[in-house]
N, C-alpha and C. Protein backbone atom coordinates (compact mmCIF):
# COMPACT_ATOMS: atom_id res chain seq x y z
N UNK A 1 -3.23 -11.06 5.95
CA UNK A 1 -2.51 -10.06 6.58
C UNK A 1 -2.68 -10.46 8.00
N UNK A 2 -1.43 -9.81 8.62
CA UNK A 2 -1.39 -10.57 10.38
C UNK A 2 -2.45 -9.72 11.02
N UNK A 3 -2.59 -10.39 12.22
CA UNK A 3 -3.49 -10.04 12.94
C UNK A 3 -3.26 -8.49 13.42
N UNK A 4 -4.54 -7.55 13.72
CA UNK A 4 -4.08 -6.11 14.25
C UNK A 4 -3.15 -5.04 13.20
N UNK A 5 -3.61 -5.46 11.61
CA UNK A 5 -3.06 -4.83 11.21
C UNK A 5 -4.06 -3.52 10.80
N UNK A 6 -5.15 -3.74 10.86
CA UNK A 6 -6.07 -2.71 10.35
C UNK A 6 -6.88 -2.26 12.01
N UNK A 7 -7.40 -0.76 11.59
CA UNK A 7 -8.13 -0.63 12.70
C UNK A 7 -9.80 -0.48 12.34
N UNK A 8 -10.21 0.12 13.15
CA UNK A 8 -11.96 0.25 12.69
C UNK A 8 -12.16 1.52 11.67
N UNK A 9 -11.70 2.23 11.72
CA UNK A 9 -12.00 3.54 10.62
C UNK A 9 -11.52 3.09 9.26
N UNK A 10 -12.11 3.55 8.43
CA UNK A 10 -12.05 3.38 7.26
C UNK A 10 -10.46 3.25 6.51
N UNK A 11 -9.82 2.90 6.41
CA UNK A 11 -8.42 3.38 5.61
C UNK A 11 -7.20 2.99 6.42
N UNK A 12 -7.83 2.92 7.82
CA UNK A 12 -6.95 3.08 8.98
C UNK A 12 -5.53 1.73 8.60
N UNK A 13 -4.43 2.18 9.31
CA UNK A 13 -3.87 0.87 8.98
C UNK A 13 -2.98 1.27 10.41
N UNK A 14 -2.82 0.01 11.01
CA UNK A 14 -1.97 0.58 12.39
C UNK A 14 -0.72 0.69 12.35
N UNK A 15 0.16 1.15 13.19
CA UNK A 15 1.62 1.49 13.35
C UNK A 15 2.27 0.25 12.63
N UNK A 16 3.52 0.83 11.86
CA UNK A 16 4.28 0.03 11.23
C UNK A 16 3.88 -0.88 10.23
N UNK A 17 2.42 -0.48 9.91
CA UNK A 17 1.97 -1.45 8.13
C UNK A 17 1.74 -0.37 7.46
N UNK A 18 1.49 -1.17 6.07
CA UNK A 18 1.25 -0.61 4.73
C UNK A 18 0.08 -1.44 5.13
N UNK A 19 -1.48 -1.00 4.19
CA UNK A 19 -2.06 -2.22 4.05
C UNK A 19 -2.95 -1.84 3.05
N UNK A 20 -3.91 -2.91 2.21
CA UNK A 20 -4.26 -2.62 1.09
C UNK A 20 -5.63 -3.09 1.29
N UNK A 21 -6.71 -2.95 0.30
CA UNK A 21 -8.07 -3.75 0.68
C UNK A 21 -7.94 -3.87 -1.00
N UNK A 22 -8.63 -4.90 -1.60
CA UNK A 22 -9.41 -5.74 -2.99
C UNK A 22 -10.21 -4.59 -3.73
N UNK A 23 -11.08 -4.18 -2.92
CA UNK A 23 -12.02 -3.00 -3.52
C UNK A 23 -11.38 -1.42 -3.40
N UNK A 24 -12.54 -0.70 -3.78
CA UNK A 24 -12.60 0.86 -3.50
C UNK A 24 -13.09 0.97 -2.24
N UNK A 25 -12.93 1.93 -1.55
CA UNK A 25 -13.16 2.77 -0.15
C UNK A 25 -13.18 1.25 0.75
N UNK A 26 -11.65 1.19 0.83
CA UNK A 26 -11.54 0.12 1.40
C UNK A 26 -12.28 -0.93 2.39
N UNK A 27 -12.88 -1.88 1.12
CA UNK A 27 -13.52 -2.77 1.07
C UNK A 27 -13.30 -4.35 0.78
N UNK A 28 -13.90 -5.09 0.95
CA UNK A 28 -13.60 -6.75 0.21
C UNK A 28 -12.50 -7.44 1.41
N UNK A 29 -11.22 -8.43 0.34
CA UNK A 29 -9.91 -8.54 1.21
C UNK A 29 -8.94 -7.74 1.54
N UNK A 30 -8.64 -7.81 2.57
CA UNK A 30 -7.58 -7.03 3.07
C UNK A 30 -6.36 -7.50 3.35
N UNK A 31 -5.05 -6.76 3.38
CA UNK A 31 -3.87 -7.11 2.99
C UNK A 31 -3.12 -6.27 4.17
N UNK A 32 -1.71 -6.74 4.78
CA UNK A 32 -1.17 -5.54 5.37
C UNK A 32 0.09 -6.05 5.83
N UNK A 33 1.14 -5.56 6.24
CA UNK A 33 2.35 -6.04 6.04
C UNK A 33 2.81 -4.89 7.12
N UNK A 34 3.90 -5.50 7.93
CA UNK A 34 4.77 -4.35 8.17
C UNK A 34 6.70 -4.83 7.73
N UNK A 35 6.60 -5.71 6.79
CA UNK A 35 7.62 -6.12 5.99
C UNK A 35 7.89 -5.27 5.28
N UNK A 36 9.66 -4.54 4.76
CA UNK A 36 9.67 -3.87 3.89
C UNK A 36 10.24 -4.38 2.82
N UNK A 37 10.20 -3.69 1.85
CA UNK A 37 10.54 -4.51 -0.04
C UNK A 37 9.75 -5.76 0.14
N UNK A 38 8.33 -5.55 -0.02
CA UNK A 38 7.45 -6.63 -0.07
C UNK A 38 7.00 -7.09 -1.21
N UNK A 39 7.15 -8.23 -2.12
CA UNK A 39 6.99 -8.44 -2.98
C UNK A 39 5.69 -9.26 -3.48
N UNK A 40 4.17 -8.56 -3.77
CA UNK A 40 3.22 -9.27 -3.96
C UNK A 40 2.92 -10.47 -4.46
N UNK A 41 4.02 -10.62 -5.29
CA UNK A 41 4.24 -11.96 -6.10
C UNK A 41 4.51 -13.06 -5.32
N UNK A 42 4.88 -13.20 -4.06
CA UNK A 42 5.42 -14.00 -3.18
C UNK A 42 3.96 -14.69 -2.40
N UNK A 43 4.01 -15.65 -2.59
CA UNK A 43 2.99 -16.54 -1.81
C UNK A 43 3.75 -16.83 -0.34
N UNK A 44 3.54 -15.75 0.69
CA UNK A 44 4.30 -16.25 2.11
C UNK A 44 3.37 -15.55 3.06
N UNK A 45 4.07 -16.01 4.50
CA UNK A 45 3.08 -15.09 5.67
C UNK A 45 4.03 -13.87 5.18
N UNK A 46 2.76 -12.60 5.41
CA UNK A 46 1.56 -12.68 5.89
C UNK A 46 0.45 -13.14 5.32
N UNK A 47 0.76 -13.08 3.80
CA UNK A 47 -0.49 -13.46 3.21
C UNK A 47 -1.01 -15.03 2.89
N UNK A 48 -1.52 -15.39 3.06
CA UNK A 48 -2.14 -17.00 2.67
C UNK A 48 -2.75 -17.33 1.46
N UNK A 49 -2.81 -15.94 0.36
CA UNK A 49 -2.98 -16.50 -0.94
C UNK A 49 -2.53 -15.32 -1.95
N UNK A 50 -2.33 -15.53 -2.78
CA UNK A 50 -2.09 -14.11 -3.10
C UNK A 50 -2.56 -12.76 -3.39
N UNK A 51 -1.76 -11.88 -3.36
CA UNK A 51 -2.10 -10.59 -3.51
C UNK A 51 -1.40 -9.52 -4.61
N UNK A 52 -1.10 -10.06 -5.57
CA UNK A 52 -0.27 -9.58 -6.65
C UNK A 52 -1.44 -8.95 -7.60
N UNK A 53 -1.21 -8.01 -7.72
CA UNK A 53 -2.66 -7.06 -8.94
C UNK A 53 -3.82 -7.26 -8.54
N UNK A 54 -4.11 -7.13 -7.33
CA UNK A 54 -5.44 -7.09 -6.61
C UNK A 54 -5.93 -5.81 -5.56
N UNK A 55 -4.96 -4.89 -5.24
CA UNK A 55 -5.49 -3.77 -4.38
C UNK A 55 -6.21 -2.68 -5.16
N UNK A 56 -7.42 -2.33 -4.76
CA UNK A 56 -8.20 -1.08 -5.07
C UNK A 56 -7.91 -0.13 -4.41
N UNK A 57 -7.38 0.33 -3.30
CA UNK A 57 -7.33 1.02 -2.20
C UNK A 57 -6.25 0.72 -1.17
N UNK A 58 -5.58 1.32 -0.75
CA UNK A 58 -4.32 1.48 0.08
C UNK A 58 -4.19 2.41 0.92
N UNK A 59 -4.04 2.27 2.06
CA UNK A 59 -3.34 2.78 2.99
C UNK A 59 -1.96 2.70 3.78
N UNK A 60 -1.13 3.68 4.23
CA UNK A 60 0.17 3.74 4.81
C UNK A 60 0.58 3.89 6.18
N UNK A 61 1.22 3.59 7.35
CA UNK A 61 1.46 4.06 8.56
C UNK A 61 2.80 3.38 9.04
N UNK A 62 3.84 3.59 8.09
CA UNK A 62 5.35 3.23 8.91
C UNK A 62 5.51 4.01 9.73
N UNK A 63 5.75 3.76 11.12
CA UNK A 63 6.21 4.68 11.53
C UNK A 63 7.52 5.38 12.07
N UNK A 64 8.74 4.90 11.71
CA UNK A 64 9.48 5.10 11.13
C UNK A 64 10.46 5.10 9.83
N UNK A 65 9.52 5.76 9.18
CA UNK A 65 10.15 5.94 7.71
C UNK A 65 8.33 6.62 7.35
N UNK A 66 9.16 7.96 6.50
CA UNK A 66 8.08 8.90 6.17
C UNK A 66 7.47 8.75 4.98
N UNK A 67 7.57 7.76 4.28
CA UNK A 67 6.54 7.06 3.20
C UNK A 67 6.87 6.01 2.76
N UNK A 68 5.53 5.11 1.97
CA UNK A 68 5.51 4.01 1.46
C UNK A 68 5.23 4.29 0.08
N UNK A 69 6.12 3.41 -0.46
CA UNK A 69 6.34 3.40 -2.01
C UNK A 69 5.37 1.89 -2.78
N UNK A 70 4.60 1.95 -3.65
CA UNK A 70 3.94 1.29 -4.40
C UNK A 70 4.33 1.22 -5.90
N UNK A 71 5.15 -0.08 -6.13
CA UNK A 71 5.40 -0.22 -7.54
C UNK A 71 4.69 -1.16 -8.37
N UNK A 72 5.14 -1.01 -9.70
CA UNK A 72 4.31 -1.71 -10.51
C UNK A 72 4.30 -3.16 -10.82
N UNK A 73 5.73 -3.55 -10.51
CA UNK A 73 6.26 -4.57 -10.75
C UNK A 73 6.91 -5.16 -9.50
N UNK A 74 7.42 -6.40 -9.21
CA UNK A 74 8.20 -7.37 -8.30
C UNK A 74 9.71 -5.96 -7.90
N UNK A 75 9.83 -6.16 -6.82
CA UNK A 75 11.38 -5.76 -6.54
C UNK A 75 11.62 -4.41 -6.76
N UNK A 76 10.61 -3.73 -6.74
CA UNK A 76 10.62 -2.03 -6.83
C UNK A 76 10.90 -1.29 -8.00
N UNK A 77 10.60 -2.72 -9.04
CA UNK A 77 10.87 -1.97 -10.44
C UNK A 77 9.62 -1.15 -11.04
N UNK A 78 9.75 -0.79 -12.08
CA UNK A 78 8.66 -0.24 -12.91
C UNK A 78 8.33 1.21 -12.35
N UNK A 79 7.18 2.12 -12.66
CA UNK A 79 6.11 3.17 -12.30
C UNK A 79 6.17 2.73 -10.50
N UNK A 80 5.91 4.01 -10.26
CA UNK A 80 5.26 4.01 -8.74
C UNK A 80 4.37 5.10 -8.17
N UNK A 81 3.90 5.02 -7.13
CA UNK A 81 3.55 6.14 -6.32
C UNK A 81 3.67 6.15 -4.87
N UNK A 82 3.41 7.21 -4.33
CA UNK A 82 4.10 6.82 -2.66
C UNK A 82 3.01 7.64 -1.46
N UNK A 83 2.73 7.24 -0.63
CA UNK A 83 1.91 7.72 0.21
C UNK A 83 2.63 8.11 1.60
N UNK A 84 2.40 8.86 1.99
CA UNK A 84 3.06 9.43 3.51
C UNK A 84 2.80 8.48 4.08
N UNK A 85 3.37 8.81 5.54
CA UNK A 85 3.05 8.03 7.06
C UNK A 85 2.33 8.68 7.72
N UNK A 86 0.74 7.88 7.92
CA UNK A 86 -0.35 8.80 8.90
C UNK A 86 0.21 8.94 10.23
N UNK A 87 1.33 8.38 10.96
CA UNK A 87 2.01 8.73 12.09
C UNK A 87 2.68 9.75 11.94
N UNK A 88 3.51 9.89 11.00
CA UNK A 88 4.84 10.75 10.84
C UNK A 88 4.29 12.25 9.96
N UNK A 89 3.27 11.77 9.00
CA UNK A 89 2.92 13.45 8.08
C UNK A 89 1.99 13.51 8.37
N UNK A 90 0.91 12.70 8.47
CA UNK A 90 -0.37 13.59 8.58
C UNK A 90 -1.21 14.02 7.29
N UNK A 91 -0.73 13.47 6.40
CA UNK A 91 -1.41 13.94 5.40
C UNK A 91 -1.14 13.06 4.27
N UNK A 92 -1.99 12.60 2.85
CA UNK A 92 -1.23 12.10 1.91
C UNK A 92 -1.29 10.46 2.29
N UNK A 93 -2.13 10.05 3.05
CA UNK A 93 -1.42 8.33 3.77
C UNK A 93 -2.69 7.48 3.15
N UNK A 94 -3.35 7.98 2.77
CA UNK A 94 -4.46 6.60 2.17
C UNK A 94 -5.22 7.23 0.96
N UNK A 95 -5.44 6.28 -0.13
CA UNK A 95 -6.31 6.52 -1.21
C UNK A 95 -7.26 5.18 -1.28
N UNK A 96 -8.35 5.97 -1.26
CA UNK A 96 -9.95 5.22 -1.41
C UNK A 96 -10.17 4.67 -2.86
N UNK A 97 -9.43 4.94 -3.81
CA UNK A 97 -9.70 4.57 -5.27
C UNK A 97 -9.06 4.67 -5.98
N UNK A 98 -8.03 3.57 -6.43
CA UNK A 98 -6.42 3.45 -7.07
C UNK A 98 -6.45 3.86 -8.81
N UNK A 99 -7.72 3.65 -9.04
CA UNK A 99 -8.41 3.62 -10.75
C UNK A 99 -8.41 5.39 -10.72
N UNK A 100 -8.44 6.41 -10.02
CA UNK A 100 -8.46 7.67 -10.37
C UNK A 100 -7.10 8.23 -10.10
N UNK A 101 -6.14 7.19 -10.38
CA UNK A 101 -5.04 8.09 -9.92
C UNK A 101 -4.49 7.66 -8.16
N UNK A 102 -3.15 7.66 -8.21
CA UNK A 102 -2.68 7.18 -6.78
C UNK A 102 -1.67 8.38 -5.71
N UNK A 103 -1.66 8.33 -4.84
CA UNK A 103 -0.92 8.91 -3.74
C UNK A 103 -0.02 10.42 -4.75
N UNK A 104 0.96 10.53 -4.18
CA UNK A 104 1.46 11.76 -4.70
C UNK A 104 2.39 11.50 -5.53
N UNK A 105 2.94 12.28 -6.38
CA UNK A 105 3.66 12.05 -7.49
C UNK A 105 5.16 11.41 -7.07
N UNK A 106 5.68 10.53 -8.13
CA UNK A 106 6.39 9.42 -8.14
C UNK A 106 7.07 9.14 -9.43
N UNK A 107 8.11 9.10 -9.82
CA UNK A 107 8.24 8.38 -11.01
C UNK A 107 6.80 8.74 -12.22
N UNK A 108 6.47 9.94 -12.52
CA UNK A 108 5.10 10.09 -13.29
C UNK A 108 4.33 8.95 -12.96
N UNK A 109 3.70 8.32 -12.41
CA UNK A 109 3.01 7.31 -12.17
C UNK A 109 1.88 7.67 -11.77
N UNK A 110 1.54 8.40 -10.61
CA UNK A 110 0.62 9.15 -9.32
C UNK A 110 -0.85 9.43 -10.20
N UNK A 111 -0.49 10.16 -11.71
CA UNK A 111 -2.11 10.57 -12.21
C UNK A 111 -2.65 9.19 -12.91
N UNK A 112 -1.63 8.04 -13.21
CA UNK A 112 -2.45 6.98 -13.80
C UNK A 112 -3.47 5.74 -13.09
N UNK A 113 -3.98 4.99 -13.40
CA UNK A 113 -4.95 4.21 -13.02
C UNK A 113 -3.92 2.73 -12.50
N UNK A 114 -4.15 2.68 -10.99
CA UNK A 114 -3.31 2.09 -10.36
C UNK A 114 -4.29 0.56 -9.85
N UNK A 115 -5.39 0.68 -10.38
CA UNK A 115 -6.05 -0.39 -9.90
C UNK A 115 -5.72 -1.99 -10.25
N UNK A 116 -5.23 -2.83 -9.11
CA UNK A 116 -5.03 -4.26 -9.30
C UNK A 116 -3.50 -4.08 -10.03
N UNK A 117 -2.59 -3.18 -9.95
CA UNK A 117 -1.43 -3.03 -10.90
C UNK A 117 -0.04 -3.06 -9.78
N UNK A 118 -0.40 -3.10 -8.43
CA UNK A 118 0.58 -3.00 -7.30
C UNK A 118 1.29 -4.55 -7.36
N UNK A 119 2.89 -4.68 -7.61
CA UNK A 119 3.24 -5.69 -7.01
C UNK A 119 4.45 -5.74 -6.17
N UNK A 120 4.92 -4.76 -5.47
CA UNK A 120 5.79 -4.44 -4.70
C UNK A 120 5.60 -2.92 -3.68
N UNK A 121 5.99 -3.33 -2.78
CA UNK A 121 5.91 -2.14 -2.01
C UNK A 121 7.06 -2.18 -0.56
N UNK A 122 7.10 -1.22 -0.91
CA UNK A 122 8.70 -0.83 0.18
C UNK A 122 8.55 0.71 0.87
N UNK A 123 9.15 0.50 2.22
CA UNK A 123 9.01 1.62 2.91
C UNK A 123 10.64 2.13 2.94
N UNK A 124 10.07 3.71 2.88
CA UNK A 124 11.43 4.69 2.48
C UNK A 124 11.22 5.60 3.13
N UNK A 125 12.69 6.85 3.36
CA UNK A 125 12.61 7.73 4.12
C UNK A 125 12.63 7.38 5.68
N UNK A 126 13.27 5.98 5.29
CA UNK A 126 13.20 5.81 7.23
C UNK A 126 14.84 5.98 8.02
């Protein structure tokens, strides 16, 4: 995670970032990025080690994009769910437990277990 990506409050994410945590309720290892169309299968900055299929809670705060979409496969493929931007929409912008469904309806994936399943993240509605 790049420095400054997360704020003190549970699940908060700095402006321009999406953030993810290894465990539910925003606990454990944390990742965050302002990169658009990011594949978690890529071992490159800002991540020092792999984050593919390791997220259990997430939040979104793209400041110029309406929402962030989380995909089950690399390159924006497969089922997905989305979270609105904390700054732009102020609702449905974080999810503390991906195992019980996630985000809001997108591609039929929001009611499924998303724990340890995310492989790419895109900002959309920009």
